[in-house]
Amino acid sequence: GTLPPKAIALTFEGASHSNARYAWPLLIDRKWP
């Protein structure tokens, strides 16, 4: 399949409390996977 321009995936190494506090809420608010 053909990917769209500027295709980006975001990953996190480990389910840390700090990521849950500072990062994931911003992505969930934007509905970004």
Full PDB file with SEQRES, HELIX, SHEET, SSBOND, CRYST1, ORIGX, SCALE, CONECT and MASTER records, all heavy atoms in Angstrom:
SEQRES   1 A   33  GLY THR LEU PRO PRO LYS ALA ILE ALA LEU THR PHE GLU          
SEQRES   2 A   33  GLY ALA SER HIS SER ASN ALA ARG TYR ALA TRP PRO LEU          
SEQRES   3 A   33  LEU ILE ASP ARG LYS TRP PRO                                  
HELIX    1 AA1 HIS A   17  TYR A   22  1                                   6    
HELIX    2 AA2 TRP A   24  ASP A   29  1                                   6    
CRYST1    1.000    1.000    1.000  90.00  90.00  90.00 P 1           1          
ORIGX1      1.000000  0.000000  0.000000        0.00000                         
ORIGX2      0.000000  1.000000  0.000000        0.00000                         
ORIGX3      0.000000  0.000000  1.000000        0.00000                         
SCALE1      1.000000  0.000000  0.000000        0.00000                         
SCALE2      0.000000  1.000000  0.000000        0.00000                         
SCALE3      0.000000  0.000000  1.000000        0.00000                         
ATOM      1  N   GLY A   1       0.816  -1.205   0.000  1.00  0.00           N  
ATOM      2  CA  GLY A   1       0.000   0.000   0.000  1.00  0.00           C  
ATOM      3  C   GLY A   1       0.852   1.258   0.000  1.00  0.00           C  
ATOM      4  O   GLY A   1       2.030   1.245   0.357  1.00  0.00           O  
ATOM      5  N   THR A   2       0.240   2.360  -0.418  1.00  0.00           N  
ATOM      6  CA  THR A   2       0.933   3.653  -0.468  1.00  0.00           C  
ATOM      7  C   THR A   2       0.628   4.447   0.791  1.00  0.00           C  
ATOM      8  O   THR A   2      -0.537   4.629   1.164  1.00  0.00           O  
ATOM      9  CB  THR A   2       0.490   4.457  -1.698  1.00  0.00           C  
ATOM     10  OG1 THR A   2       0.814   3.721  -2.881  1.00  0.00           O  
ATOM     11  CG2 THR A   2       1.189   5.806  -1.742  1.00  0.00           C  
ATOM     12  N   LEU A   3       1.668   4.925   1.448  1.00  0.00           N  
ATOM     13  CA  LEU A   3       1.505   5.730   2.646  1.00  0.00           C  
ATOM     14  C   LEU A   3       1.316   7.197   2.272  1.00  0.00           C  
ATOM     15  O   LEU A   3       1.844   7.652   1.264  1.00  0.00           O  
ATOM     16  CB  LEU A   3       2.733   5.577   3.543  1.00  0.00           C  
ATOM     17  CG  LEU A   3       2.902   4.200   4.178  1.00  0.00           C  
ATOM     18  CD1 LEU A   3       4.308   4.021   4.725  1.00  0.00           C  
ATOM     19  CD2 LEU A   3       1.875   3.999   5.283  1.00  0.00           C  
ATOM     20  N   PRO A   4       0.588   7.951   3.091  1.00  0.00           N  
ATOM     21  CA  PRO A   4       0.390   9.374   2.786  1.00  0.00           C  
ATOM     22  C   PRO A   4       1.665  10.158   3.013  1.00  0.00           C  
ATOM     23  O   PRO A   4       2.583   9.707   3.707  1.00  0.00           O  
ATOM     24  CB  PRO A   4      -0.704   9.781   3.784  1.00  0.00           C  
ATOM     25  CG  PRO A   4      -0.523   8.858   4.937  1.00  0.00           C  
ATOM     26  CD  PRO A   4      -0.111   7.549   4.330  1.00  0.00           C  
ATOM     27  N   PRO A   5       1.758  11.367   2.448  1.00  0.00           N  
ATOM     28  CA  PRO A   5       2.930  12.219   2.724  1.00  0.00           C  
ATOM     29  C   PRO A   5       3.022  12.521   4.211  1.00  0.00           C  
ATOM     30  O   PRO A   5       2.019  12.611   4.905  1.00  0.00           O  
ATOM     31  CB  PRO A   5       2.632  13.493   1.918  1.00  0.00           C  
ATOM     32  CG  PRO A   5       1.602  13.099   0.908  1.00  0.00           C  
ATOM     33  CD  PRO A   5       0.797  12.017   1.542  1.00  0.00           C  
ATOM     34  N   LYS A   6       4.247  12.679   4.686  1.00  0.00           N  
ATOM     35  CA  LYS A   6       4.512  13.032   6.080  1.00  0.00           C  
ATOM     36  C   LYS A   6       3.855  12.052   7.048  1.00  0.00           C  
ATOM     37  O   LYS A   6       3.292  12.441   8.076  1.00  0.00           O  
ATOM     38  CB  LYS A   6       4.051  14.461   6.376  1.00  0.00           C  
ATOM     39  CG  LYS A   6       4.729  15.526   5.529  1.00  0.00           C  
ATOM     40  CD  LYS A   6       4.248  16.916   5.889  1.00  0.00           C  
ATOM     41  CE  LYS A   6       4.921  17.980   5.017  1.00  0.00           C  
ATOM     42  NZ  LYS A   6       4.463  19.347   5.348  1.00  0.00           N  
ATOM     43  N   ALA A   7       3.929  10.759   6.726  1.00  0.00           N  
ATOM     44  CA  ALA A   7       3.391   9.730   7.618  1.00  0.00           C  
ATOM     45  C   ALA A   7       4.289   9.603   8.842  1.00  0.00           C  
ATOM     46  O   ALA A   7       5.500   9.434   8.724  1.00  0.00           O  
ATOM     47  CB  ALA A   7       3.293   8.400   6.891  1.00  0.00           C  
ATOM     48  N   ILE A   8       3.676   9.694  10.017  1.00  0.00           N  
ATOM     49  CA  ILE A   8       4.406   9.682  11.281  1.00  0.00           C  
ATOM     50  C   ILE A   8       3.728   8.718  12.242  1.00  0.00           C  
ATOM     51  O   ILE A   8       2.501   8.671  12.330  1.00  0.00           O  
ATOM     52  CB  ILE A   8       4.429  11.080  11.934  1.00  0.00           C  
ATOM     53  CG1 ILE A   8       5.128  12.103  11.041  1.00  0.00           C  
ATOM     54  CG2 ILE A   8       5.067  11.032  13.319  1.00  0.00           C  
ATOM     55  CD1 ILE A   8       6.625  12.060  11.077  1.00  0.00           C  
ATOM     56  N   ALA A   9       4.527   7.951  12.981  1.00  0.00           N  
ATOM     57  CA  ALA A   9       4.004   7.145  14.093  1.00  0.00           C  
ATOM     58  C   ALA A   9       4.778   7.524  15.350  1.00  0.00           C  
ATOM     59  O   ALA A   9       6.000   7.716  15.317  1.00  0.00           O  
ATOM     60  CB  ALA A   9       4.148   5.658  13.810  1.00  0.00           C  
ATOM     61  N   LEU A  10       4.066   7.629  16.469  1.00  0.00           N  
ATOM     62  CA  LEU A  10       4.659   8.000  17.750  1.00  0.00           C  
ATOM     63  C   LEU A  10       4.700   6.777  18.659  1.00  0.00           C  
ATOM     64  O   LEU A  10       3.688   6.083  18.825  1.00  0.00           O  
ATOM     65  CB  LEU A  10       3.848   9.112  18.412  1.00  0.00           C  
ATOM     66  CG  LEU A  10       3.665  10.384  17.577  1.00  0.00           C  
ATOM     67  CD1 LEU A  10       2.733  11.357  18.280  1.00  0.00           C  
ATOM     68  CD2 LEU A  10       5.009  11.040  17.300  1.00  0.00           C  
ATOM     69  N   THR A  11       5.874   6.501  19.238  1.00  0.00           N  
ATOM     70  CA  THR A  11       6.014   5.352  20.124  1.00  0.00           C  
ATOM     71  C   THR A  11       6.677   5.775  21.428  1.00  0.00           C  
ATOM     72  O   THR A  11       7.412   6.768  21.480  1.00  0.00           O  
ATOM     73  CB  THR A  11       6.850   4.226  19.480  1.00  0.00           C  
ATOM     74  OG1 THR A  11       8.225   4.638  19.376  1.00  0.00           O  
ATOM     75  CG2 THR A  11       6.328   3.878  18.085  1.00  0.00           C  
ATOM     76  N   PHE A  12       6.426   4.979  22.465  1.00  0.00           N  
ATOM     77  CA  PHE A  12       6.985   5.241  23.787  1.00  0.00           C  
ATOM     78  C   PHE A  12       7.616   3.969  24.320  1.00  0.00           C  
ATOM     79  O   PHE A  12       7.018   2.903  24.269  1.00  0.00           O  
ATOM     80  CB  PHE A  12       5.903   5.742  24.752  1.00  0.00           C  
ATOM     81  CG  PHE A  12       5.329   7.075  24.361  1.00  0.00           C  
ATOM     82  CD1 PHE A  12       4.286   7.150  23.440  1.00  0.00           C  
ATOM     83  CD2 PHE A  12       5.838   8.244  24.893  1.00  0.00           C  
ATOM     84  CE1 PHE A  12       3.765   8.372  23.060  1.00  0.00           C  
ATOM     85  CE2 PHE A  12       5.318   9.473  24.516  1.00  0.00           C  
ATOM     86  CZ  PHE A  12       4.284   9.535  23.591  1.00  0.00           C  
ATOM     87  N   GLU A  13       8.814   4.120  24.844  1.00  0.00           N  
ATOM     88  CA  GLU A  13       9.557   2.981  25.388  1.00  0.00           C  
ATOM     89  C   GLU A  13       9.233   2.867  26.870  1.00  0.00           C  
ATOM     90  O   GLU A  13       9.846   3.508  27.719  1.00  0.00           O  
ATOM     91  CB  GLU A  13      11.057   3.222  25.177  1.00  0.00           C  
ATOM     92  CG  GLU A  13      11.853   1.969  24.958  1.00  0.00           C  
ATOM     93  CD  GLU A  13      11.742   1.472  23.520  1.00  0.00           C  
ATOM     94  OE1 GLU A  13      10.857   1.934  22.795  1.00  0.00           O  
ATOM     95  OE2 GLU A  13      12.552   0.622  23.144  1.00  0.00           O  
ATOM     96  N   GLY A  14       8.243   2.055  27.185  1.00  0.00           N  
ATOM     97  CA  GLY A  14       7.861   1.872  28.572  1.00  0.00           C  
ATOM     98  C   GLY A  14       6.650   2.697  28.965  1.00  0.00           C  
ATOM     99  O   GLY A  14       6.466   3.829  28.525  1.00  0.00           O  
ATOM    100  N   ALA A  15       5.808   2.102  29.807  1.00  0.00           N  
ATOM    101  CA  ALA A  15       4.598   2.775  30.286  1.00  0.00           C  
ATOM    102  C   ALA A  15       4.897   3.464  31.611  1.00  0.00           C  
ATOM    103  O   ALA A  15       4.444   3.053  32.688  1.00  0.00           O  
ATOM    104  CB  ALA A  15       3.461   1.763  30.451  1.00  0.00           C  
ATOM    105  N   SER A  16       5.684   4.534  31.540  1.00  0.00           N  
ATOM    106  CA  SER A  16       6.088   5.235  32.763  1.00  0.00           C  
ATOM    107  C   SER A  16       4.992   6.186  33.236  1.00  0.00           C  
ATOM    108  O   SER A  16       4.162   6.657  32.458  1.00  0.00           O  
ATOM    109  CB  SER A  16       7.378   6.015  32.523  1.00  0.00           C  
ATOM    110  OG  SER A  16       7.149   7.111  31.666  1.00  0.00           O  
ATOM    111  N   HIS A  17       5.016   6.461  34.539  1.00  0.00           N  
ATOM    112  CA  HIS A  17       4.048   7.415  35.094  1.00  0.00           C  
ATOM    113  C   HIS A  17       4.228   8.796  34.484  1.00  0.00           C  
ATOM    114  O   HIS A  17       3.242   9.517  34.266  1.00  0.00           O  
ATOM    115  CB  HIS A  17       4.214   7.495  36.616  1.00  0.00           C  
ATOM    116  CG  HIS A  17       3.804   6.259  37.340  1.00  0.00           C  
ATOM    117  ND1 HIS A  17       2.530   5.745  37.266  1.00  0.00           N  
ATOM    118  CD2 HIS A  17       4.508   5.420  38.151  1.00  0.00           C  
ATOM    119  CE1 HIS A  17       2.450   4.653  38.009  1.00  0.00           C  
ATOM    120  NE2 HIS A  17       3.627   4.425  38.557  1.00  0.00           N  
ATOM    121  N   SER A  18       5.465   9.178  34.200  1.00  0.00           N  
ATOM    122  CA  SER A  18       5.698  10.514  33.653  1.00  0.00           C  
ATOM    123  C   SER A  18       5.098  10.648  32.258  1.00  0.00           C  
ATOM    124  O   SER A  18       4.525  11.690  31.916  1.00  0.00           O  
ATOM    125  CB  SER A  18       7.197  10.819  33.616  1.00  0.00           C  
ATOM    126  OG  SER A  18       7.881   9.913  32.767  1.00  0.00           O  
ATOM    127  N   ASN A  19       5.200   9.604  31.444  1.00  0.00           N  
ATOM    128  CA  ASN A  19       4.581   9.649  30.115  1.00  0.00           C  
ATOM    129  C   ASN A  19       3.069   9.734  30.228  1.00  0.00           C  
ATOM    130  O   ASN A  19       2.414  10.446  29.461  1.00  0.00           O  
ATOM    131  CB  ASN A  19       4.979   8.418  29.307  1.00  0.00           C  
ATOM    132  CG  ASN A  19       6.460   8.412  28.961  1.00  0.00           C  
ATOM    133  OD1 ASN A  19       7.110   9.444  29.035  1.00  0.00           O  
ATOM    134  ND2 ASN A  19       6.975   7.258  28.587  1.00  0.00           N  
ATOM    135  N   ALA A  20       2.509   8.991  31.189  1.00  0.00           N  
ATOM    136  CA  ALA A  20       1.060   9.017  31.395  1.00  0.00           C  
ATOM    137  C   ALA A  20       0.599  10.387  31.872  1.00  0.00           C  
ATOM    138  O   ALA A  20      -0.524  10.822  31.572  1.00  0.00           O  
ATOM    139  CB  ALA A  20       0.660   7.946  32.415  1.00  0.00           C  
ATOM    140  N   ARG A  21       1.467  11.099  32.587  1.00  0.00           N  
ATOM    141  CA  ARG A  21       1.091  12.406  33.147  1.00  0.00           C  
ATOM    142  C   ARG A  21       1.258  13.531  32.120  1.00  0.00           C  
ATOM    143  O   ARG A  21       0.363  14.383  31.977  1.00  0.00           O  
ATOM    144  CB  ARG A  21       1.948  12.703  34.380  1.00  0.00           C  
ATOM    145  CG  ARG A  21       1.621  14.026  35.063  1.00  0.00           C  
ATOM    146  CD  ARG A  21       2.525  14.270  36.263  1.00  0.00           C  
ATOM    147  NE  ARG A  21       2.507  13.167  37.198  1.00  0.00           N  
ATOM    148  CZ  ARG A  21       3.554  12.379  37.459  1.00  0.00           C  
ATOM    149  NH1 ARG A  21       4.717  12.598  36.853  1.00  0.00           N  
ATOM    150  NH2 ARG A  21       3.463  11.400  38.318  1.00  0.00           N  
ATOM    151  N   TYR A  22       2.373  13.532  31.400  1.00  0.00           N  
ATOM    152  CA  TYR A  22       2.713  14.682  30.579  1.00  0.00           C  
ATOM    153  C   TYR A  22       2.501  14.516  29.076  1.00  0.00           C  
ATOM    154  O   TYR A  22       2.365  15.515  28.365  1.00  0.00           O  
ATOM    155  CB  TYR A  22       4.187  15.061  30.800  1.00  0.00           C  
ATOM    156  CG  TYR A  22       4.508  15.537  32.183  1.00  0.00           C  
ATOM    157  CD1 TYR A  22       5.356  14.809  33.011  1.00  0.00           C  
ATOM    158  CD2 TYR A  22       3.970  16.723  32.675  1.00  0.00           C  
ATOM    159  CE1 TYR A  22       5.664  15.247  34.289  1.00  0.00           C  
ATOM    160  CE2 TYR A  22       4.276  17.166  33.958  1.00  0.00           C  
ATOM    161  CZ  TYR A  22       5.120  16.428  34.764  1.00  0.00           C  
ATOM    162  OH  TYR A  22       5.413  16.869  36.023  1.00  0.00           O  
ATOM    163  N   ALA A  23       2.499  13.294  28.581  1.00  0.00           N  
ATOM    164  CA  ALA A  23       2.487  13.094  27.135  1.00  0.00           C  
ATOM    165  C   ALA A  23       1.166  12.571  26.592  1.00  0.00           C  
ATOM    166  O   ALA A  23       0.564  13.180  25.696  1.00  0.00           O  
ATOM    167  CB  ALA A  23       3.624  12.143  26.725  1.00  0.00           C  
ATOM    168  N   TRP A  24       0.714  11.453  27.122  1.00  0.00           N  
ATOM    169  CA  TRP A  24      -0.435  10.786  26.506  1.00  0.00           C  
ATOM    170  C   TRP A  24      -1.716  11.609  26.526  1.00  0.00           C  
ATOM    171  O   TRP A  24      -2.479  11.550  25.552  1.00  0.00           O  
ATOM    172  CB  TRP A  24      -0.649   9.421  27.159  1.00  0.00           C  
ATOM    173  CG  TRP A  24       0.570   8.547  27.050  1.00  0.00           C  
ATOM    174  CD1 TRP A  24       1.579   8.668  26.127  1.00  0.00           C  
ATOM    175  CD2 TRP A  24       0.931   7.454  27.890  1.00  0.00           C  
ATOM    176  NE1 TRP A  24       2.543   7.712  26.345  1.00  0.00           N  
ATOM    177  CE2 TRP A  24       2.176   6.956  27.413  1.00  0.00           C  
ATOM    178  CE3 TRP A  24       0.331   6.839  28.982  1.00  0.00           C  
ATOM    179  CZ2 TRP A  24       2.816   5.863  28.002  1.00  0.00           C  
ATOM    180  CZ3 TRP A  24       0.959   5.753  29.571  1.00  0.00           C  
ATOM    181  CH2 TRP A  24       2.188   5.275  29.080  1.00  0.00           C  
ATOM    182  N   PRO A  25      -1.988  12.407  27.572  1.00  0.00           N  
ATOM    183  CA  PRO A  25      -3.207  13.234  27.523  1.00  0.00           C  
ATOM    184  C   PRO A  25      -3.230  14.199  26.331  1.00  0.00           C  
ATOM    185  O   PRO A  25      -4.301  14.441  25.750  1.00  0.00           O  
ATOM    186  CB  PRO A  25      -3.171  13.996  28.854  1.00  0.00           C  
ATOM    187  CG  PRO A  25      -2.402  13.092  29.778  1.00  0.00           C  
ATOM    188  CD  PRO A  25      -1.340  12.486  28.910  1.00  0.00           C  
ATOM    189  N   LEU A  26      -2.059  14.754  25.956  1.00  0.00           N  
ATOM    190  CA  LEU A  26      -2.010  15.665  24.807  1.00  0.00           C  
ATOM    191  C   LEU A  26      -2.391  14.932  23.518  1.00  0.00           C  
ATOM    192  O   LEU A  26      -3.091  15.486  22.659  1.00  0.00           O  
ATOM    193  CB  LEU A  26      -0.612  16.265  24.666  1.00  0.00           C  
ATOM    194  CG  LEU A  26      -0.109  17.132  25.822  1.00  0.00           C  
ATOM    195  CD1 LEU A  26       1.283  17.672  25.499  1.00  0.00           C  
ATOM    196  CD2 LEU A  26      -1.069  18.279  26.107  1.00  0.00           C  
ATOM    197  N   LEU A  27      -1.923  13.691  23.380  1.00  0.00           N  
ATOM    198  CA  LEU A  27      -2.210  12.923  22.174  1.00  0.00           C  
ATOM    199  C   LEU A  27      -3.661  12.463  22.149  1.00  0.00           C  
ATOM    200  O   LEU A  27      -4.316  12.486  21.092  1.00  0.00           O  
ATOM    201  CB  LEU A  27      -1.269  11.712  22.097  1.00  0.00           C  
ATOM    202  CG  LEU A  27       0.226  12.042  22.098  1.00  0.00           C  
ATOM    203  CD1 LEU A  27       1.054  10.763  22.042  1.00  0.00           C  
ATOM    204  CD2 LEU A  27       0.581  12.962  20.938  1.00  0.00           C  
ATOM    205  N   ILE A  28      -4.173  12.065  23.291  1.00  0.00           N  
ATOM    206  CA  ILE A  28      -5.568  11.618  23.367  1.00  0.00           C  
ATOM    207  C   ILE A  28      -6.510  12.776  23.062  1.00  0.00           C  
ATOM    208  O   ILE A  28      -7.521  12.606  22.364  1.00  0.00           O  
ATOM    209  CB  ILE A  28      -5.842  11.008  24.752  1.00  0.00           C  
ATOM    210  CG1 ILE A  28      -5.055   9.694  24.909  1.00  0.00           C  
ATOM    211  CG2 ILE A  28      -7.339  10.753  24.942  1.00  0.00           C  
ATOM    212  CD1 ILE A  28      -5.059   9.133  26.318  1.00  0.00           C  
ATOM    213  N   ASP A  29      -6.181  13.979  23.562  1.00  0.00           N  
ATOM    214  CA  ASP A  29      -7.010  15.151  23.270  1.00  0.00           C  
ATOM    215  C   ASP A  29      -7.077  15.431  21.771  1.00  0.00           C  
ATOM    216  O   ASP A  29      -8.111  15.873  21.255  1.00  0.00           O  
ATOM    217  CB  ASP A  29      -6.461  16.385  23.999  1.00  0.00           C  
ATOM    218  CG  ASP A  29      -6.779  16.358  25.482  1.00  0.00           C  
ATOM    219  OD1 ASP A  29      -7.624  15.551  25.894  1.00  0.00           O  
ATOM    220  OD2 ASP A  29      -6.147  17.142  26.233  1.00  0.00           O  
ATOM    221  N   ARG A  30      -5.981  15.194  21.074  1.00  0.00           N  
ATOM    222  CA  ARG A  30      -5.944  15.424  19.627  1.00  0.00           C  
ATOM    223  C   ARG A  30      -6.459  14.221  18.820  1.00  0.00           C  
ATOM    224  O   ARG A  30      -6.515  14.271  17.601  1.00  0.00           O  
ATOM    225  CB  ARG A  30      -4.513  15.733  19.179  1.00  0.00           C  
ATOM    226  CG  ARG A  30      -3.991  17.092  19.626  1.00  0.00           C  
ATOM    227  CD  ARG A  30      -2.590  17.323  19.085  1.00  0.00           C  
ATOM    228  NE  ARG A  30      -2.072  18.636  19.460  1.00  0.00           N  
ATOM    229  CZ  ARG A  30      -2.213  19.734  18.727  1.00  0.00           C  
ATOM    230  NH1 ARG A  30      -2.870  19.677  17.580  1.00  0.00           N  
ATOM    231  NH2 ARG A  30      -1.707  20.889  19.126  1.00  0.00           N  
ATOM    232  N   LYS A  31      -6.778  13.150  19.547  1.00  0.00           N  
ATOM    233  CA  LYS A  31      -7.206  11.901  18.895  1.00  0.00           C  
ATOM    234  C   LYS A  31      -6.110  11.337  17.979  1.00  0.00           C  
ATOM    235  O   LYS A  31      -6.376  10.789  16.915  1.00  0.00           O  
ATOM    236  CB  LYS A  31      -8.517  12.100  18.115  1.00  0.00           C  
ATOM    237  CG  LYS A  31      -9.705  12.498  18.993  1.00  0.00           C  
ATOM    238  CD  LYS A  31     -10.977  12.648  18.189  1.00  0.00           C  
ATOM    239  CE  LYS A  31     -12.198  12.843  19.070  1.00  0.00           C  
ATOM    240  NZ  LYS A  31     -12.092  14.001  19.965  1.00  0.00           N  
ATOM    241  N   TRP A  32      -4.864  11.488  18.432  1.00  0.00           N  
ATOM    242  CA  TRP A  32      -3.728  10.947  17.699  1.00  0.00           C  
ATOM    243  C   TRP A  32      -3.368   9.570  18.244  1.00  0.00           C  
ATOM    244  O   TRP A  32      -3.220   9.410  19.466  1.00  0.00           O  
ATOM    245  CB  TRP A  32      -2.517  11.869  17.844  1.00  0.00           C  
ATOM    246  CG  TRP A  32      -2.583  13.094  16.978  1.00  0.00           C  
ATOM    247  CD1 TRP A  32      -3.606  13.476  16.161  1.00  0.00           C  
ATOM    248  CD2 TRP A  32      -1.570  14.103  16.860  1.00  0.00           C  
ATOM    249  NE1 TRP A  32      -3.297  14.663  15.538  1.00  0.00           N  
ATOM    250  CE2 TRP A  32      -2.055  15.066  15.941  1.00  0.00           C  
ATOM    251  CE3 TRP A  32      -0.325  14.283  17.433  1.00  0.00           C  
ATOM    252  CZ2 TRP A  32      -1.319  16.200  15.598  1.00  0.00           C  
ATOM    253  CZ3 TRP A  32       0.421  15.406  17.092  1.00  0.00           C  
ATOM    254  CH2 TRP A  32      -0.073  16.348  16.179  1.00  0.00           C  
ATOM    255  N   PRO A  33      -3.181   8.592  17.395  1.00  0.00           N  
ATOM    256  CA  PRO A  33      -2.806   7.257  17.868  1.00  0.00           C  
ATOM    257  C   PRO A  33      -1.342   7.208  18.296  1.00  0.00           C  
ATOM    258  O   PRO A  33      -0.510   7.989  17.815  1.00  0.00           O  
ATOM    259  CB  PRO A  33      -3.052   6.372  16.646  1.00  0.00           C  
ATOM    260  CG  PRO A  33      -2.834   7.290  15.481  1.00  0.00           C  
ATOM    261  CD  PRO A  33      -3.357   8.640  15.921  1.00  0.00           C  
TER     262      PRO A  33                                                      
MASTER        0    0    0    2    0    0    0    6  261    1    0    3          
END                                                                             
